[in-house]
Protein backbone atom coordinates (compact mmCIF):
# COMPACT_ATOMS: atom_id res chain seq x y z
CA UNK A 1 120.00 105.53 48.00
CA UNK A 2 117.67 103.95 50.55
CA UNK A 3 116.74 101.23 48.06
CA UNK A 4 120.43 100.30 47.72
CA UNK A 5 120.76 100.15 51.51
CA UNK A 6 117.72 97.88 51.71
CA UNK A 7 119.17 95.65 48.99
CA UNK A 8 122.47 95.31 50.86
CA UNK A 9 120.68 94.54 54.10
CA UNK A 10 118.62 91.84 52.39
CA UNK A 11 121.85 90.34 51.05
CA UNK A 12 123.31 90.25 54.55
CA UNK A 13 120.11 88.80 55.99
CA UNK A 14 120.48 87.25 59.43
CA UNK A 15 124.26 87.73 59.31
CA UNK A 16 123.68 91.29 60.49
CA UNK A 17 123.16 89.81 63.96
CA UNK A 18 126.92 89.20 64.14
CA UNK A 19 127.54 92.95 64.42
CA UNK A 20 125.59 94.39 67.35
CA UNK A 21 126.91 97.90 66.75
CA UNK A 22 125.58 97.84 63.18
CA UNK A 23 122.14 96.75 64.41
CA UNK A 24 122.06 99.64 66.91
CA UNK A 25 123.07 102.19 64.26
CA UNK A 26 120.48 100.79 61.87
CA UNK A 27 117.78 101.05 64.57
CA UNK A 28 118.68 104.70 65.21
CA UNK A 29 118.60 105.46 61.49
CA UNK A 30 115.18 103.84 61.12
CA UNK A 31 113.92 105.82 64.11
CA UNK A 32 115.00 109.07 62.44
CA UNK A 33 113.47 108.08 59.09
CA UNK A 34 110.19 107.09 60.75
CA UNK A 35 109.96 110.46 62.46
CA UNK A 36 110.54 112.18 59.14
CA UNK A 37 107.92 110.01 57.42
CA UNK A 38 105.31 110.42 60.19
CA UNK A 39 105.82 114.20 60.33
CA UNK A 40 105.41 114.32 56.55
CA UNK A 41 108.69 116.21 56.08
CA UNK A 42 110.46 113.88 53.67
CA UNK A 43 113.71 115.45 52.46
CA UNK A 44 114.53 112.56 50.08
CA UNK A 45 113.64 113.76 46.58
CA UNK A 46 113.45 110.29 45.05
CA UNK A 47 111.23 108.85 47.78
CA UNK A 48 107.77 109.88 48.95
CA UNK A 49 106.64 109.81 52.56
CA UNK A 50 104.56 106.67 52.04
CA UNK A 51 107.40 104.83 50.33
CA UNK A 52 109.80 105.83 53.10
CA UNK A 53 107.42 104.48 55.74
CA UNK A 54 106.92 101.19 53.87
CA UNK A 55 110.67 100.76 53.39
CA UNK A 56 111.36 101.25 57.10
CA UNK A 57 108.68 98.74 58.04
CA UNK A 58 110.04 96.19 55.57
CA UNK A 59 113.54 96.51 57.01
CA UNK A 60 112.20 96.08 60.53
CA UNK A 61 110.10 93.06 59.63
CA UNK A 62 112.58 91.23 57.40
CA UNK A 63 115.96 92.19 58.86
CA UNK A 64 116.01 93.84 62.28
CA UNK A 65 113.51 91.78 64.27
CA UNK A 66 114.66 88.36 62.98
CA UNK A 67 118.25 89.42 63.67
CA UNK A 68 117.28 90.33 67.23
CA UNK A 69 116.29 86.69 67.83
CA UNK A 70 119.86 85.61 67.05
CA UNK A 71 121.62 88.24 69.16
CA UNK A 72 122.89 87.19 72.58
CA UNK A 73 120.47 88.70 75.15
CA UNK A 74 121.33 92.38 75.23
CA UNK A 75 118.84 94.85 76.76
CA UNK A 76 120.64 97.80 75.16
CA UNK A 77 120.01 96.51 71.64
CA UNK A 78 116.41 95.68 72.52
CA UNK A 79 115.78 99.20 73.80
CA UNK A 80 117.34 100.75 70.67
CA UNK A 81 115.00 98.71 68.48
CA UNK A 82 112.04 99.61 70.69
CA UNK A 83 112.84 103.32 70.34
CA UNK A 84 112.41 102.88 66.58
CA UNK A 85 109.33 100.64 66.69
CA UNK A 86 107.39 102.79 69.14
CA UNK A 87 107.25 105.58 66.55
CA UNK A 88 104.64 103.45 64.74
CA UNK A 89 101.00 103.03 65.72
CA UNK A 90 99.90 99.88 67.45
CA UNK A 91 98.39 98.44 64.24
CA UNK A 92 101.73 98.67 62.43
CA UNK A 93 103.62 97.34 65.45
CA UNK A 94 101.33 94.35 65.76
CA UNK A 95 101.76 93.61 62.06
CA UNK A 96 105.53 93.64 62.58
CA UNK A 97 105.19 91.18 65.46
CA UNK A 98 102.93 88.99 63.35
CA UNK A 99 105.57 88.86 60.62
CA UNK A 100 108.24 88.21 63.24
CA UNK A 101 106.23 85.31 64.60
CA UNK A 102 105.64 83.76 61.19
CA UNK A 103 103.41 80.73 60.79
CA UNK A 104 104.51 79.07 64.02
CA UNK A 105 107.04 79.03 66.85
CA UNK A 106 109.59 76.62 68.33
CA UNK A 107 109.37 73.04 67.02
CA UNK A 108 106.52 73.81 64.63
CA UNK A 109 108.75 76.34 62.87
CA UNK A 110 111.32 73.71 61.83
CA UNK A 111 111.31 73.55 58.05
CA UNK A 112 109.32 76.79 57.83
CA UNK A 113 111.81 79.37 59.14
CA UNK A 114 115.55 79.66 58.78
CA UNK A 115 117.19 76.82 60.67
CA UNK A 116 119.08 79.21 62.96
CA UNK A 117 115.86 80.93 63.97
CA UNK A 118 114.20 77.58 64.67
CA UNK A 119 117.18 76.53 66.78
CA UNK A 120 117.22 79.68 68.95
CA UNK A 121 113.44 79.53 69.38
CA UNK A 122 113.59 75.92 70.56
CA UNK A 123 116.44 76.81 72.93
CA UNK A 124 114.55 79.82 74.33
CA UNK A 125 111.41 77.73 74.80
CA UNK A 126 113.36 75.04 76.65
CA UNK A 127 115.00 77.58 78.97
CA UNK A 128 111.67 79.33 79.63
CA UNK A 129 109.98 76.06 80.60
CA UNK A 130 112.89 75.18 82.83
CA UNK A 131 112.60 78.50 84.67
CA UNK A 132 108.81 78.23 85.03
CA UNK A 133 109.27 75.04 87.04
CA UNK A 134 110.78 77.22 89.76
CA UNK A 135 107.84 79.62 90.01
CA UNK A 136 106.53 79.83 93.57
CA UNK A 137 104.29 82.12 95.58
CA UNK A 138 107.25 83.59 97.49
CA UNK A 139 108.24 86.96 96.10
CA UNK A 140 111.97 86.26 96.39
CA UNK A 141 111.66 83.36 93.96
CA UNK A 142 109.56 85.40 91.53
CA UNK A 143 112.31 88.03 91.39
CA UNK A 144 114.91 85.44 90.45
CA UNK A 145 112.64 83.81 87.89
CA UNK A 146 111.67 87.24 86.54
CA UNK A 147 115.28 88.20 85.90
CA UNK A 148 115.96 84.93 84.09
CA UNK A 149 112.80 85.13 81.99
CA UNK A 150 113.54 88.75 81.11
CA UNK A 151 117.02 87.75 79.99
CA UNK A 152 115.57 85.20 77.57
CA UNK A 153 112.82 87.59 76.46
CA UNK A 154 115.33 90.28 75.44
CA UNK A 155 115.85 88.39 72.17
CA UNK A 156 112.84 86.07 71.92
CA UNK A 157 109.80 87.63 73.66
CA UNK A 158 107.35 85.82 71.38
CA UNK A 159 108.62 82.39 72.45
CA UNK A 160 108.80 83.28 76.14
CA UNK A 161 105.26 84.64 76.32
CA UNK A 162 103.95 81.76 74.22
CA UNK A 163 105.26 79.38 76.88
CA UNK A 164 104.00 81.57 79.74
CA UNK A 165 100.47 81.89 78.33
CA UNK A 166 100.29 78.13 77.76
CA UNK A 167 101.18 77.58 81.41
CA UNK A 168 98.70 80.19 82.64
CA UNK A 169 95.87 78.64 80.64
CA UNK A 170 96.44 75.40 82.53
CA UNK A 171 97.43 76.62 86.02
CA UNK A 172 95.79 79.74 87.40
CA UNK A 173 97.94 79.71 90.57
CA UNK A 174 100.88 80.90 88.44
CA UNK A 175 99.19 84.13 87.36
CA UNK A 176 100.18 86.43 90.26
CA UNK A 177 103.82 85.24 90.61
CA UNK A 178 104.37 85.60 86.86
CA UNK A 179 102.83 89.07 86.72
CA UNK A 180 105.17 90.13 89.52
CA UNK A 181 108.11 88.75 87.54
CA UNK A 182 107.24 90.92 84.52
CA UNK A 183 108.73 93.93 86.30
CA UNK A 184 112.10 93.08 84.73
CA UNK A 185 110.79 92.89 81.14
CA UNK A 186 111.68 95.53 78.55
CA UNK A 187 108.96 97.75 77.01
CA UNK A 188 109.33 95.80 73.76
CA UNK A 189 108.57 92.51 75.56
CA UNK A 190 105.49 93.95 77.28
CA UNK A 191 104.27 95.35 73.96
CA UNK A 192 104.70 91.90 72.41
CA UNK A 193 102.55 90.46 75.21
CA UNK A 194 99.86 93.06 74.42
CA UNK A 195 99.93 91.70 70.85
CA UNK A 196 99.79 88.06 71.92
CA UNK A 197 96.76 88.39 74.24
CA UNK A 198 94.23 89.18 71.47
CA UNK A 199 96.02 86.65 69.26
CA UNK A 200 95.45 83.90 71.85
CA UNK A 201 91.88 84.98 72.53
CA UNK A 202 91.08 84.92 68.82
CA UNK A 203 92.31 81.33 68.35
CA UNK A 204 89.51 79.65 66.39
CA UNK A 205 90.85 76.15 66.98
CA UNK A 206 89.84 76.17 70.66
CA UNK A 207 86.28 76.36 71.98
CA UNK A 208 85.54 78.93 74.66
CA UNK A 209 82.64 76.83 75.94
CA UNK A 210 82.77 73.25 77.21
CA UNK A 211 80.85 70.57 75.28
CA UNK A 212 77.86 71.00 77.61
CA UNK A 213 77.47 74.52 76.18
CA UNK A 214 76.92 76.09 79.60
CA UNK A 215 80.38 76.42 81.16
CA UNK A 216 83.31 78.55 80.06
CA UNK A 217 86.47 76.67 79.16
CA UNK A 218 89.21 76.65 81.74
CA UNK A 219 91.82 78.20 79.45
CA UNK A 220 89.50 81.09 78.59
CA UNK A 221 88.66 81.86 82.23
CA UNK A 222 92.32 81.81 83.23
CA UNK A 223 93.36 84.00 80.29
CA UNK A 224 90.61 86.54 80.99
CA UNK A 225 91.63 86.71 84.67
CA UNK A 226 95.28 87.13 83.70
CA UNK A 227 94.44 89.93 81.26
CA UNK A 228 92.65 91.98 83.91
CA UNK A 229 95.46 91.59 86.46
CA UNK A 230 98.16 92.27 83.89
CA UNK A 231 96.69 95.58 82.73
CA UNK A 232 96.06 96.64 86.31
CA UNK A 233 99.71 96.06 87.22
CA UNK A 234 101.14 97.52 83.99
CA UNK A 235 98.49 100.06 82.86
CA UNK A 236 100.79 101.92 80.46
CA UNK A 237 101.03 98.87 78.20
CA UNK A 238 99.21 99.13 74.89
CA UNK A 239 95.46 98.67 75.54
CA UNK A 240 93.91 99.88 72.29
CA UNK A 241 94.60 96.56 70.56
CA UNK A 242 92.63 94.55 73.13
CA UNK A 243 89.71 97.01 73.11
CA UNK A 244 89.55 97.02 69.33
CA UNK A 245 89.61 93.22 69.35
CA UNK A 246 86.63 93.11 71.75
CA UNK A 247 84.81 95.68 69.62
CA UNK A 248 85.42 93.65 66.46
CA UNK A 249 84.24 90.47 68.20
CA UNK A 250 80.98 92.16 69.21
CA UNK A 251 80.42 93.37 65.66
CA UNK A 252 80.82 89.79 64.44
CA UNK A 253 78.32 88.59 67.03
CA UNK A 254 80.95 86.86 69.22
CA UNK A 255 79.97 88.01 72.68
CA UNK A 256 81.98 85.70 74.96
CA UNK A 257 84.91 88.13 74.84
CA UNK A 258 82.85 90.42 77.07
CA UNK A 259 84.20 88.29 79.93
CA UNK A 260 87.61 89.79 79.16
CA UNK A 261 86.18 93.32 79.14
CA UNK A 262 84.51 92.68 82.49
CA UNK A 263 87.81 91.57 84.03
CA UNK A 264 89.64 94.61 82.65
CA UNK A 265 87.04 97.08 83.98
CA UNK A 266 86.96 95.29 87.35
CA UNK A 267 90.73 95.22 87.82
CA UNK A 268 91.79 98.47 86.16
CA UNK A 269 88.78 100.61 87.05
CA UNK A 270 88.07 99.09 90.47
CA UNK A 271 84.45 98.90 89.39
CA UNK A 272 82.59 95.71 90.17
CA UNK A 273 78.90 94.86 90.51
CA UNK A 274 77.83 92.37 93.16
CA UNK A 275 75.03 90.03 92.21
CA UNK A 276 73.89 89.18 95.77
CA UNK A 277 73.98 92.10 98.19
CA UNK A 278 72.44 92.78 101.58
CA UNK A 279 70.00 95.55 102.41
CA UNK A 280 72.74 97.65 104.02
CA UNK A 281 74.91 97.35 100.92
CA UNK A 282 71.93 98.35 98.80
CA UNK A 283 71.41 101.48 100.88
CA UNK A 284 75.12 102.28 100.63
CA UNK A 285 74.81 102.52 96.85
CA UNK A 286 73.20 105.93 97.37
CA UNK A 287 76.42 107.21 98.96
CA UNK A 288 79.73 108.26 97.52
CA UNK A 289 82.59 106.23 96.18
CA UNK A 290 84.28 105.71 99.58
CA UNK A 291 81.08 104.45 101.23
CA UNK A 292 80.40 102.11 98.33
CA UNK A 293 83.90 100.67 98.47
CA UNK A 294 83.86 100.20 102.24
CA UNK A 295 80.50 98.46 102.35
CA UNK A 296 81.01 96.30 99.29
CA UNK A 297 84.69 95.48 99.79
CA UNK A 298 85.80 96.71 96.36
CA UNK A 299 89.48 96.68 95.54
CA UNK A 300 91.05 100.12 95.46
CA UNK A 301 92.14 100.72 91.90
CA UNK A 302 95.38 102.40 90.95
CA UNK A 303 94.97 105.99 89.81
CA UNK A 304 97.23 105.35 86.85
CA UNK A 305 95.14 102.34 85.83
CA UNK A 306 91.84 104.25 86.13
CA UNK A 307 93.20 107.21 84.18
CA UNK A 308 94.64 104.94 81.48
CA UNK A 309 91.38 103.03 81.03
CA UNK A 310 89.22 106.15 80.82
CA UNK A 311 91.75 107.68 78.41
CA UNK A 312 91.50 104.68 76.07
CA UNK A 313 87.70 104.50 76.26
CA UNK A 314 87.12 108.21 75.71
CA UNK A 315 89.98 109.42 73.51
CA UNK A 316 89.65 106.48 71.12
CA UNK A 317 85.83 106.93 71.15
CA UNK A 318 85.26 103.33 72.15
CA UNK A 319 82.79 103.84 75.01
CA UNK A 320 79.64 104.51 72.98
CA UNK A 321 80.23 101.76 70.37
CA UNK A 322 80.88 99.28 73.18
CA UNK A 323 77.68 100.24 74.98
CA UNK A 324 75.66 100.04 71.76
CA UNK A 325 77.01 96.63 70.81
CA UNK A 326 76.58 95.23 74.32
CA UNK A 327 72.96 96.38 74.31
CA UNK A 328 72.44 94.66 70.97
CA UNK A 329 73.98 91.47 72.33
CA UNK A 330 71.51 91.55 75.22
CA UNK A 331 68.65 91.50 72.74
CA UNK A 332 70.27 88.88 70.51
CA UNK A 333 70.93 86.59 73.46
CA UNK A 334 67.19 86.13 73.93
CA UNK A 335 65.80 86.17 70.42
CA UNK A 336 68.46 85.61 67.76
CA UNK A 337 71.25 83.41 69.14
CA UNK A 338 69.28 80.19 68.72
CA UNK A 339 70.30 78.63 72.03
CA UNK A 340 68.42 75.44 72.65
CA UNK A 341 68.76 75.65 76.44
CA UNK A 342 66.62 78.33 78.11
CA UNK A 343 68.82 78.44 81.21
CA UNK A 344 71.89 79.09 79.06
CA UNK A 345 70.20 81.99 77.27
CA UNK A 346 69.19 83.50 80.60
CA UNK A 347 72.69 83.20 82.01
CA UNK A 348 74.25 84.94 79.04
CA UNK A 349 71.61 87.67 79.09
CA UNK A 350 72.34 88.36 82.76
CA UNK A 351 76.08 88.40 82.07
CA UNK A 352 75.72 90.94 79.27
CA UNK A 353 73.60 93.17 81.52
CA UNK A 354 76.25 92.83 84.22
CA UNK A 355 78.99 94.04 81.86
CA UNK A 356 76.75 96.84 80.55
CA UNK A 357 76.01 98.24 84.01
CA UNK A 358 79.63 97.80 85.02
CA UNK A 359 80.83 99.89 82.08
CA UNK A 360 78.16 102.54 82.71
CA UNK A 361 79.18 102.82 86.36
CA UNK A 362 82.85 103.18 85.47
CA UNK A 363 82.14 105.91 82.92
CA UNK A 364 79.95 107.73 85.46
CA UNK A 365 82.59 107.76 88.17
CA UNK A 366 85.41 108.52 85.77
CA UNK A 367 83.50 111.64 84.77
CA UNK A 368 83.32 112.68 88.42
CA UNK A 369 87.07 112.18 88.77
CA UNK A 370 87.78 114.22 85.65
CA UNK A 371 85.71 117.40 85.46
CA UNK A 372 86.91 118.16 81.94
CA UNK A 373 85.11 115.16 80.45
CA UNK A 374 81.97 115.99 78.55
CA UNK A 375 78.56 115.16 79.99
CA UNK A 376 77.44 113.90 76.59
CA UNK A 377 78.75 110.45 77.50
CA UNK A 378 76.32 110.07 80.38
CA UNK A 379 73.41 111.41 78.33
CA UNK A 380 74.03 109.02 75.48
CA UNK A 381 74.65 106.21 77.95
CA UNK A 382 71.21 106.78 79.45
CA UNK A 383 69.73 106.78 75.94
CA UNK A 384 71.31 103.42 75.18
CA UNK A 385 70.03 102.07 78.50
CA UNK A 386 66.48 103.11 77.60
CA UNK A 387 66.79 101.55 74.15
CA UNK A 388 67.94 98.34 75.78
CA UNK A 389 64.72 97.92 77.74
CA UNK A 390 62.31 99.01 75.00
């Protein structure tokens, strides 16, 4: 029966966007079927749990999400679709967004996607760029721009955030006003942004270092700064994808993405390490968290952000692999990276140590905040620190 429904939906294709009520009912049905498939209680005799899950994901990728791009901005429809999509893990959701994006967006999609999709993407991109010209530091303007951007992003979040990230990579003074304007975005739009950040950071066509080999590229610095501020302001957004991306980059030997991790720990965890400190600040390090913050002028982190970051690092068991790989990168930066410039190798070695100590300090203080956390983390952290200097 479900196969016949999928066949009919494929025959309708993008025409399903003409009936908003049908899209909402389909989203609710998929949400119910996904819950049945994930719980393993499949009542359909002719369909296994795995087949049911694959069928639902195919319908979402081929029918529902492309149809959403053609629907007149409607937050109710977007929320109904999000209620179905959020039943999936972040890996499956990101694969859906990747299929929704296709090979390209806006003008580059002409001749690749359906002509109606290309048209609405170009229109959404034009409107987003027009609204970004009105971004200012005044909060009242950011509210107006935020409402207009959210209206466009209800149907085409991929296009809107593609335009926003391109602007941020060029102009860092737009970061704070734009983050404030995200308050009007739907959960689906914010989840799409969580997918696009690793996607932009992983772009192999752009160099993260300038031709001199000693300075980080402007776009990479701006994007790393934006990532830290974004997750501090909206800590409940999906963070596992970014952490897994950084972990995968370290395993491949690509260590520049540690700059992103440093920004996230600094902004979300309120944990920063000063390179040049006075004697009084050095003595204050022996005190508690309040004394350290007062003497070193640390930003007070949000409790939700701190809890979210420690939850991701500990529940997903990412803390120890990150510490191990960062320690390995410290060794590789001196002996195996083959850098011709000695000063460059020293700078990267110091930066990796900075991130390592920053992560250790955050894990130490997060354990003090949460008495239920195991002390094994600190013991194994100390072991990795000793291995680092052997």
